[in-house]
Amino acid sequence: MDRRDYYLTEIMRLHNINMLHIIRGAAITDQFGTGNLVEKLTGPVIREAFTTGQPVFLLNELTMRPTVRAIISYVASSKGNLNCLSCHNVAEGTVLGAVDIELDVTSYQRRSLIVLAGLFVASVIFLILIAINTSCTIQRHVQSPLEDLINNTKTA
């Protein structure tokens, strides 16, 4: 925790990260104090993550710079490699905090639009080839034999 700000700054330098916050839960505030002002539990989305203990994902795709925001709860557990209950005086399953991160997904949106355009073009080409093949097949197996039959009937 003593180098938390350093690590948060380093993570923020990574590609496409718009925002990163660590939010303290009430149990951590009670045990260790209030911390930074940024670490406060604010907003209905963050409250939902703390209430349910489940990750919350928000997609903002209808802008020029689409984003994905994830609020991932950190739930106290004695299982696994990190035993939270050895340092924190809380019950198993208590939400200790959350990571709130927002990623810029503009490049992914552009790539997906290129893929969709490619699929559309391939589909159109495929449909045109089917139409040409169907036309040639009808010409060869239906129209030509009927025209020959009509011409033979007129000459006979």
N, C-alpha and C. Protein backbone atom coordinates (compact mmCIF):
# COMPACT_ATOMS: atom_id res chain seq x y z
N MET A 1 0.82 -1.20 0.00
CA MET A 1 0.00 0.00 0.00
C MET A 1 0.86 1.27 0.00
N ASP A 2 2.10 1.17 0.47
CA ASP A 2 2.93 2.37 0.53
C ASP A 2 3.35 2.84 -0.86
N ARG A 3 3.33 1.97 -1.86
CA ARG A 3 3.70 2.35 -3.23
C ARG A 3 2.49 2.32 -4.17
N ARG A 4 1.31 2.36 -3.61
CA ARG A 4 0.07 2.27 -4.38
C ARG A 4 -0.01 3.33 -5.47
N ASP A 5 0.27 4.58 -5.13
CA ASP A 5 0.16 5.67 -6.10
C ASP A 5 1.14 5.47 -7.26
N TYR A 6 2.33 4.98 -6.95
CA TYR A 6 3.31 4.70 -8.01
C TYR A 6 2.76 3.65 -8.98
N TYR A 7 2.22 2.55 -8.44
CA TYR A 7 1.70 1.49 -9.30
C TYR A 7 0.49 1.95 -10.10
N LEU A 8 -0.37 2.72 -9.50
CA LEU A 8 -1.53 3.24 -10.23
C LEU A 8 -1.08 4.14 -11.38
N THR A 9 -0.08 4.97 -11.14
CA THR A 9 0.46 5.84 -12.19
C THR A 9 1.06 5.02 -13.32
N GLU A 10 1.79 3.97 -12.97
CA GLU A 10 2.40 3.11 -13.99
C GLU A 10 1.34 2.39 -14.81
N ILE A 11 0.29 1.92 -14.17
CA ILE A 11 -0.79 1.25 -14.89
C ILE A 11 -1.50 2.23 -15.82
N MET A 12 -1.69 3.46 -15.36
CA MET A 12 -2.35 4.48 -16.18
C MET A 12 -1.57 4.80 -17.45
N ARG A 13 -0.27 4.57 -17.44
CA ARG A 13 0.55 4.83 -18.62
C ARG A 13 0.34 3.78 -19.71
N LEU A 14 -0.29 2.67 -19.35
CA LEU A 14 -0.54 1.63 -20.34
C LEU A 14 -1.50 2.14 -21.40
N HIS A 15 -1.49 1.49 -22.51
CA HIS A 15 -2.28 1.87 -23.67
C HIS A 15 -3.78 1.79 -23.39
N ASN A 16 -4.51 2.82 -23.74
CA ASN A 16 -5.98 2.86 -23.75
C ASN A 16 -6.65 2.89 -22.37
N ILE A 17 -5.94 3.21 -21.31
CA ILE A 17 -6.57 3.32 -20.00
C ILE A 17 -6.88 4.79 -19.74
N ASN A 18 -8.17 5.11 -19.61
CA ASN A 18 -8.59 6.48 -19.37
C ASN A 18 -8.62 6.83 -17.89
N MET A 19 -9.01 5.85 -17.06
CA MET A 19 -9.22 6.14 -15.65
C MET A 19 -9.00 4.87 -14.84
N LEU A 20 -8.42 5.03 -13.67
CA LEU A 20 -8.20 3.90 -12.78
C LEU A 20 -8.27 4.40 -11.34
N HIS A 21 -9.16 3.79 -10.57
CA HIS A 21 -9.29 4.15 -9.15
C HIS A 21 -9.41 2.89 -8.32
N ILE A 22 -8.92 2.97 -7.12
CA ILE A 22 -9.16 1.93 -6.13
C ILE A 22 -10.11 2.52 -5.11
N ILE A 23 -11.18 1.79 -4.83
CA ILE A 23 -12.21 2.30 -3.93
C ILE A 23 -12.23 1.43 -2.68
N ARG A 24 -12.14 2.06 -1.54
CA ARG A 24 -12.17 1.34 -0.28
C ARG A 24 -13.59 1.04 0.15
N GLY A 25 -13.77 -0.14 0.68
CA GLY A 25 -15.04 -0.50 1.27
C GLY A 25 -15.12 0.01 2.70
N ALA A 26 -16.31 -0.06 3.27
CA ALA A 26 -16.52 0.43 4.63
C ALA A 26 -15.66 -0.33 5.64
N ALA A 27 -15.47 -1.63 5.43
CA ALA A 27 -14.67 -2.43 6.37
C ALA A 27 -13.22 -1.97 6.39
N ILE A 28 -12.67 -1.61 5.25
CA ILE A 28 -11.29 -1.13 5.17
C ILE A 28 -11.18 0.26 5.78
N THR A 29 -12.17 1.11 5.50
CA THR A 29 -12.16 2.46 6.09
C THR A 29 -12.24 2.38 7.61
N ASP A 30 -13.08 1.47 8.12
CA ASP A 30 -13.20 1.32 9.57
C ASP A 30 -11.89 0.84 10.19
N GLN A 31 -11.19 -0.05 9.48
CA GLN A 31 -9.98 -0.65 10.04
C GLN A 31 -8.74 0.23 9.83
N PHE A 32 -8.61 0.85 8.65
CA PHE A 32 -7.37 1.55 8.32
C PHE A 32 -7.52 3.06 8.13
N GLY A 33 -8.71 3.59 8.21
CA GLY A 33 -8.90 5.02 8.02
C GLY A 33 -9.47 5.33 6.64
N THR A 34 -9.68 6.62 6.40
CA THR A 34 -10.38 7.04 5.19
C THR A 34 -9.56 6.94 3.92
N GLY A 35 -8.25 7.05 3.98
CA GLY A 35 -7.44 6.99 2.76
C GLY A 35 -7.59 8.25 1.94
N ASN A 36 -7.40 8.14 0.63
CA ASN A 36 -7.50 9.29 -0.28
C ASN A 36 -8.96 9.63 -0.55
N LEU A 37 -9.20 10.85 -0.96
CA LEU A 37 -10.56 11.25 -1.31
C LEU A 37 -11.08 10.46 -2.51
N VAL A 38 -10.18 10.03 -3.40
CA VAL A 38 -10.56 9.29 -4.60
C VAL A 38 -11.10 7.90 -4.24
N GLU A 39 -10.75 7.42 -3.07
CA GLU A 39 -11.10 6.06 -2.68
C GLU A 39 -12.50 5.95 -2.07
N LYS A 40 -13.31 6.96 -2.20
CA LYS A 40 -14.64 6.96 -1.61
C LYS A 40 -15.61 6.16 -2.46
N LEU A 41 -16.60 5.60 -1.79
CA LEU A 41 -17.67 4.85 -2.43
C LEU A 41 -18.72 5.84 -2.93
N THR A 42 -18.72 6.11 -4.24
CA THR A 42 -19.68 7.07 -4.79
C THR A 42 -20.31 6.51 -6.05
N GLY A 43 -21.54 6.88 -6.29
CA GLY A 43 -22.25 6.53 -7.51
C GLY A 43 -22.99 5.20 -7.39
N PRO A 44 -24.13 5.11 -8.09
CA PRO A 44 -24.96 3.90 -8.02
C PRO A 44 -24.29 2.66 -8.60
N VAL A 45 -23.46 2.82 -9.61
CA VAL A 45 -22.79 1.67 -10.22
C VAL A 45 -21.78 1.07 -9.25
N ILE A 46 -21.04 1.93 -8.57
CA ILE A 46 -20.07 1.44 -7.59
C ILE A 46 -20.79 0.80 -6.41
N ARG A 47 -21.88 1.40 -6.00
CA ARG A 47 -22.66 0.81 -4.90
C ARG A 47 -23.16 -0.58 -5.29
N GLU A 48 -23.57 -0.73 -6.54
CA GLU A 48 -24.03 -2.04 -7.02
C GLU A 48 -22.91 -3.08 -6.91
N ALA A 49 -21.71 -2.71 -7.32
CA ALA A 49 -20.58 -3.64 -7.24
C ALA A 49 -20.29 -4.02 -5.79
N PHE A 50 -20.42 -3.07 -4.88
CA PHE A 50 -20.17 -3.36 -3.47
C PHE A 50 -21.31 -4.18 -2.87
N THR A 51 -22.53 -3.92 -3.29
CA THR A 51 -23.68 -4.64 -2.74
C THR A 51 -23.70 -6.09 -3.19
N THR A 52 -23.47 -6.30 -4.49
CA THR A 52 -23.56 -7.66 -5.04
C THR A 52 -22.26 -8.44 -4.92
N GLY A 53 -21.14 -7.75 -4.85
CA GLY A 53 -19.85 -8.42 -4.85
C GLY A 53 -19.46 -8.96 -6.22
N GLN A 54 -20.24 -8.61 -7.23
CA GLN A 54 -20.01 -9.06 -8.60
C GLN A 54 -19.46 -7.92 -9.45
N PRO A 55 -18.69 -8.23 -10.48
CA PRO A 55 -18.19 -7.18 -11.36
C PRO A 55 -19.35 -6.49 -12.11
N VAL A 56 -19.19 -5.22 -12.37
CA VAL A 56 -20.16 -4.45 -13.14
C VAL A 56 -19.43 -3.88 -14.35
N PHE A 57 -20.01 -4.08 -15.54
CA PHE A 57 -19.39 -3.61 -16.77
C PHE A 57 -20.35 -2.65 -17.47
N LEU A 58 -19.83 -1.51 -17.90
CA LEU A 58 -20.62 -0.51 -18.61
C LEU A 58 -19.96 -0.25 -19.95
N LEU A 59 -20.74 -0.37 -21.01
CA LEU A 59 -20.24 -0.12 -22.35
C LEU A 59 -20.84 1.18 -22.86
N ASN A 60 -20.00 2.13 -23.20
CA ASN A 60 -20.43 3.40 -23.78
C ASN A 60 -19.93 3.41 -25.22
N GLU A 61 -20.75 2.88 -26.12
CA GLU A 61 -20.29 2.68 -27.49
C GLU A 61 -20.85 3.70 -28.49
N LEU A 62 -21.73 4.56 -28.07
CA LEU A 62 -22.38 5.48 -29.00
C LEU A 62 -21.73 6.86 -29.00
N THR A 63 -20.43 6.91 -28.85
CA THR A 63 -19.69 8.16 -28.89
C THR A 63 -18.52 8.01 -29.86
N MET A 64 -17.83 9.11 -30.10
CA MET A 64 -16.67 9.06 -30.99
C MET A 64 -15.51 8.31 -30.32
N ARG A 65 -15.49 8.27 -29.01
CA ARG A 65 -14.45 7.54 -28.28
C ARG A 65 -15.14 6.56 -27.32
N PRO A 66 -15.53 5.40 -27.84
CA PRO A 66 -16.24 4.43 -27.00
C PRO A 66 -15.35 3.90 -25.88
N THR A 67 -15.98 3.59 -24.75
CA THR A 67 -15.25 3.11 -23.58
C THR A 67 -15.96 1.91 -22.97
N VAL A 68 -15.19 1.15 -22.22
CA VAL A 68 -15.71 0.09 -21.37
C VAL A 68 -15.24 0.41 -19.96
N ARG A 69 -16.18 0.45 -19.05
CA ARG A 69 -15.84 0.70 -17.66
C ARG A 69 -16.14 -0.57 -16.87
N ALA A 70 -15.20 -0.98 -16.05
CA ALA A 70 -15.37 -2.17 -15.23
C ALA A 70 -15.12 -1.81 -13.78
N ILE A 71 -16.07 -2.20 -12.93
CA ILE A 71 -15.90 -2.05 -11.50
C ILE A 71 -15.85 -3.47 -10.95
N ILE A 72 -14.67 -3.86 -10.49
CA ILE A 72 -14.45 -5.24 -10.06
C ILE A 72 -14.24 -5.26 -8.55
N SER A 73 -15.15 -5.93 -7.88
CA SER A 73 -15.11 -6.01 -6.42
C SER A 73 -14.02 -6.97 -5.96
N TYR A 74 -13.43 -6.63 -4.82
CA TYR A 74 -12.46 -7.51 -4.19
C TYR A 74 -13.10 -8.03 -2.91
N VAL A 75 -13.41 -9.32 -2.92
CA VAL A 75 -14.15 -9.94 -1.82
C VAL A 75 -13.18 -10.69 -0.91
N ALA A 76 -13.31 -10.49 0.41
CA ALA A 76 -12.45 -11.15 1.39
C ALA A 76 -12.68 -12.65 1.38
N SER A 77 -11.57 -13.37 1.35
CA SER A 77 -11.66 -14.82 1.33
C SER A 77 -10.41 -15.40 1.99
N SER A 78 -10.58 -16.52 2.64
CA SER A 78 -9.43 -17.21 3.22
C SER A 78 -8.91 -18.28 2.28
N LYS A 79 -9.57 -18.46 1.14
CA LYS A 79 -9.18 -19.47 0.16
C LYS A 79 -8.19 -18.89 -0.84
N GLY A 80 -7.46 -19.75 -1.49
CA GLY A 80 -6.53 -19.31 -2.52
C GLY A 80 -5.18 -18.93 -1.95
N ASN A 81 -4.38 -18.27 -2.78
CA ASN A 81 -3.01 -17.92 -2.40
C ASN A 81 -2.94 -16.76 -1.41
N LEU A 82 -3.93 -15.89 -1.45
CA LEU A 82 -3.91 -14.70 -0.60
C LEU A 82 -5.03 -14.79 0.41
N ASN A 83 -4.68 -14.95 1.67
CA ASN A 83 -5.67 -15.04 2.74
C ASN A 83 -5.95 -13.63 3.27
N CYS A 84 -7.05 -13.03 2.80
CA CYS A 84 -7.41 -11.66 3.20
C CYS A 84 -7.71 -11.56 4.70
N LEU A 85 -8.22 -12.64 5.23
CA LEU A 85 -8.66 -12.59 6.63
C LEU A 85 -7.49 -12.56 7.61
N SER A 86 -6.29 -12.82 7.12
CA SER A 86 -5.13 -12.73 8.02
C SER A 86 -4.77 -11.27 8.31
N CYS A 87 -5.11 -10.34 7.41
CA CYS A 87 -4.80 -8.92 7.61
C CYS A 87 -6.03 -8.08 7.94
N HIS A 88 -7.18 -8.53 7.53
CA HIS A 88 -8.40 -7.73 7.69
C HIS A 88 -9.33 -8.39 8.70
N ASN A 89 -9.87 -7.59 9.59
CA ASN A 89 -10.81 -8.08 10.59
C ASN A 89 -12.22 -7.99 10.05
N VAL A 90 -12.53 -8.88 9.10
CA VAL A 90 -13.85 -8.89 8.46
C VAL A 90 -14.32 -10.33 8.31
N ALA A 91 -15.59 -10.48 8.00
CA ALA A 91 -16.15 -11.80 7.77
C ALA A 91 -15.85 -12.26 6.34
N GLU A 92 -15.82 -13.56 6.17
CA GLU A 92 -15.64 -14.15 4.84
C GLU A 92 -16.74 -13.61 3.92
N GLY A 93 -16.37 -13.18 2.72
CA GLY A 93 -17.33 -12.68 1.74
C GLY A 93 -17.58 -11.18 1.81
N THR A 94 -16.95 -10.48 2.74
CA THR A 94 -17.10 -9.02 2.83
C THR A 94 -16.38 -8.37 1.66
N VAL A 95 -17.02 -7.40 1.03
CA VAL A 95 -16.38 -6.66 -0.06
C VAL A 95 -15.42 -5.65 0.56
N LEU A 96 -14.14 -5.86 0.30
CA LEU A 96 -13.10 -4.99 0.88
C LEU A 96 -12.92 -3.71 0.07
N GLY A 97 -13.09 -3.83 -1.22
CA GLY A 97 -12.89 -2.68 -2.09
C GLY A 97 -13.19 -3.06 -3.52
N ALA A 98 -12.84 -2.16 -4.42
CA ALA A 98 -13.08 -2.43 -5.83
C ALA A 98 -12.06 -1.65 -6.66
N VAL A 99 -11.82 -2.16 -7.83
CA VAL A 99 -11.01 -1.46 -8.82
C VAL A 99 -11.99 -0.92 -9.85
N ASP A 100 -11.90 0.35 -10.12
CA ASP A 100 -12.75 1.02 -11.11
C ASP A 100 -11.83 1.45 -12.25
N ILE A 101 -12.01 0.83 -13.40
CA ILE A 101 -11.12 1.11 -14.54
C ILE A 101 -11.96 1.37 -15.79
N GLU A 102 -11.51 2.35 -16.56
CA GLU A 102 -12.20 2.68 -17.82
C GLU A 102 -11.18 2.58 -18.95
N LEU A 103 -11.53 1.81 -19.97
CA LEU A 103 -10.66 1.57 -21.11
C LEU A 103 -11.24 2.19 -22.37
N ASP A 104 -10.39 2.81 -23.16
CA ASP A 104 -10.78 3.35 -24.46
C ASP A 104 -10.75 2.20 -25.47
N VAL A 105 -11.88 1.92 -26.09
CA VAL A 105 -11.97 0.80 -27.03
C VAL A 105 -12.19 1.27 -28.47
N THR A 106 -11.75 2.48 -28.77
CA THR A 106 -11.91 3.04 -30.11
C THR A 106 -11.24 2.16 -31.16
N SER A 107 -10.02 1.73 -30.91
CA SER A 107 -9.31 0.92 -31.90
C SER A 107 -10.01 -0.42 -32.12
N TYR A 108 -10.57 -1.00 -31.06
CA TYR A 108 -11.29 -2.26 -31.20
C TYR A 108 -12.59 -2.07 -31.99
N GLN A 109 -13.24 -0.94 -31.77
CA GLN A 109 -14.46 -0.65 -32.52
C GLN A 109 -14.14 -0.50 -34.00
N ARG A 110 -13.07 0.20 -34.31
CA ARG A 110 -12.68 0.38 -35.71
C ARG A 110 -12.37 -0.96 -36.36
N ARG A 111 -11.63 -1.80 -35.65
CA ARG A 111 -11.31 -3.12 -36.19
C ARG A 111 -12.56 -3.94 -36.43
N SER A 112 -13.49 -3.90 -35.51
CA SER A 112 -14.72 -4.67 -35.68
C SER A 112 -15.54 -4.14 -36.85
N LEU A 113 -15.55 -2.82 -37.05
CA LEU A 113 -16.26 -2.26 -38.19
C LEU A 113 -15.61 -2.69 -39.51
N ILE A 114 -14.29 -2.76 -39.54
CA ILE A 114 -13.58 -3.23 -40.74
C ILE A 114 -13.93 -4.70 -41.02
N VAL A 115 -13.96 -5.51 -39.98
CA VAL A 115 -14.32 -6.92 -40.14
C VAL A 115 -15.76 -7.04 -40.63
N LEU A 116 -16.67 -6.27 -40.06
CA LEU A 116 -18.07 -6.30 -40.50
C LEU A 116 -18.20 -5.85 -41.96
N ALA A 117 -17.47 -4.81 -42.34
CA ALA A 117 -17.51 -4.36 -43.74
C ALA A 117 -16.96 -5.45 -44.65
N GLY A 118 -15.89 -6.12 -44.25
CA GLY A 118 -15.34 -7.21 -45.03
C GLY A 118 -16.32 -8.36 -45.18
N LEU A 119 -17.02 -8.70 -44.10
CA LEU A 119 -18.04 -9.76 -44.17
C LEU A 119 -19.19 -9.35 -45.09
N PHE A 120 -19.57 -8.08 -45.03
CA PHE A 120 -20.64 -7.60 -45.90
C PHE A 120 -20.25 -7.69 -47.36
N VAL A 121 -19.05 -7.23 -47.68
CA VAL A 121 -18.56 -7.28 -49.07
C VAL A 121 -18.47 -8.73 -49.54
N ALA A 122 -17.93 -9.61 -48.69
CA ALA A 122 -17.83 -11.03 -49.07
C ALA A 122 -19.22 -11.62 -49.29
N SER A 123 -20.18 -11.26 -48.45
CA SER A 123 -21.55 -11.76 -48.61
C SER A 123 -22.17 -11.28 -49.91
N VAL A 124 -21.96 -10.00 -50.23
CA VAL A 124 -22.51 -9.45 -51.48
C VAL A 124 -21.89 -10.16 -52.68
N ILE A 125 -20.57 -10.35 -52.67
CA ILE A 125 -19.90 -11.05 -53.77
C ILE A 125 -20.44 -12.48 -53.88
N PHE A 126 -20.60 -13.15 -52.76
CA PHE A 126 -21.13 -14.51 -52.75
C PHE A 126 -22.54 -14.55 -53.33
N LEU A 127 -23.40 -13.59 -52.95
CA LEU A 127 -24.76 -13.54 -53.48
C LEU A 127 -24.77 -13.26 -54.99
N ILE A 128 -23.87 -12.39 -55.44
CA ILE A 128 -23.77 -12.11 -56.88
C ILE A 128 -23.35 -13.37 -57.62
N LEU A 129 -22.38 -14.10 -57.10
CA LEU A 129 -21.95 -15.35 -57.74
C LEU A 129 -23.06 -16.38 -57.76
N ILE A 130 -23.84 -16.46 -56.70
CA ILE A 130 -24.99 -17.38 -56.68
C ILE A 130 -26.00 -16.98 -57.74
N ALA A 131 -26.27 -15.67 -57.84
CA ALA A 131 -27.24 -15.19 -58.83
C ALA A 131 -26.76 -15.49 -60.25
N ILE A 132 -25.48 -15.26 -60.54
CA ILE A 132 -24.93 -15.55 -61.87
C ILE A 132 -25.00 -17.04 -62.17
N ASN A 133 -24.62 -17.85 -61.17
CA ASN A 133 -24.68 -19.30 -61.36
C ASN A 133 -26.11 -19.79 -61.59
N THR A 134 -27.04 -19.25 -60.83
CA THR A 134 -28.45 -19.62 -60.99
C THR A 134 -28.96 -19.22 -62.37
N SER A 135 -28.60 -18.01 -62.81
CA SER A 135 -29.01 -17.55 -64.13
C SER A 135 -28.45 -18.44 -65.23
N CYS A 136 -27.17 -18.78 -65.14
CA CYS A 136 -26.56 -19.65 -66.15
C CYS A 136 -27.19 -21.04 -66.14
N THR A 137 -27.48 -21.55 -64.95
CA THR A 137 -28.11 -22.88 -64.84
C THR A 137 -29.50 -22.87 -65.45
N ILE A 138 -30.27 -21.83 -65.16
CA ILE A 138 -31.62 -21.72 -65.74
C ILE A 138 -31.53 -21.58 -67.26
N GLN A 139 -30.58 -20.78 -67.73
CA GLN A 139 -30.38 -20.59 -69.16
C GLN A 139 -30.06 -21.92 -69.83
N ARG A 140 -29.13 -22.64 -69.24
CA ARG A 140 -28.65 -23.88 -69.85
C ARG A 140 -29.66 -25.01 -69.76
N HIS A 141 -30.32 -25.20 -68.62
CA HIS A 141 -31.16 -26.38 -68.40
C HIS A 141 -32.66 -26.14 -68.55
N VAL A 142 -33.09 -24.87 -68.58
CA VAL A 142 -34.53 -24.62 -68.71
C VAL A 142 -34.83 -23.79 -69.95
N GLN A 143 -34.26 -22.60 -70.07
CA GLN A 143 -34.61 -21.68 -71.14
C GLN A 143 -34.21 -22.21 -72.51
N SER A 144 -32.97 -22.65 -72.64
CA SER A 144 -32.51 -23.15 -73.95
C SER A 144 -33.31 -24.36 -74.42
N PRO A 145 -33.54 -25.37 -73.56
CA PRO A 145 -34.36 -26.50 -74.02
C PRO A 145 -35.78 -26.08 -74.39
N LEU A 146 -36.37 -25.14 -73.66
CA LEU A 146 -37.72 -24.67 -74.00
C LEU A 146 -37.72 -23.92 -75.33
N GLU A 147 -36.72 -23.07 -75.57
CA GLU A 147 -36.63 -22.35 -76.85
C GLU A 147 -36.43 -23.32 -78.00
N ASP A 148 -35.59 -24.35 -77.78
CA ASP A 148 -35.40 -25.37 -78.82
C ASP A 148 -36.71 -26.10 -79.10
N LEU A 149 -37.45 -26.43 -78.06
CA LEU A 149 -38.73 -27.12 -78.22
C LEU A 149 -39.72 -26.24 -78.97
N ILE A 150 -39.77 -24.95 -78.65
CA ILE A 150 -40.68 -24.02 -79.32
C ILE A 150 -40.29 -23.87 -80.78
N ASN A 151 -38.99 -23.71 -81.05
CA ASN A 151 -38.52 -23.58 -82.46
C ASN A 151 -38.78 -24.85 -83.23
N ASN A 152 -38.58 -26.03 -82.64
CA ASN A 152 -38.84 -27.29 -83.32
C ASN A 152 -40.31 -27.46 -83.60
N THR A 153 -41.16 -27.00 -82.68
CA THR A 153 -42.61 -27.11 -82.88
C THR A 153 -43.05 -26.20 -84.00
N LYS A 154 -42.49 -24.98 -84.12
CA LYS A 154 -42.87 -24.04 -85.16
C LYS A 154 -42.43 -24.53 -86.53
N THR A 155 -41.28 -25.18 -86.62
CA THR A 155 -40.78 -25.65 -87.91
C THR A 155 -41.43 -26.95 -88.31
N ALA A 156 -42.00 -27.69 -87.41
CA ALA A 156 -42.59 -28.99 -87.76
C ALA A 156 -43.98 -28.91 -88.26
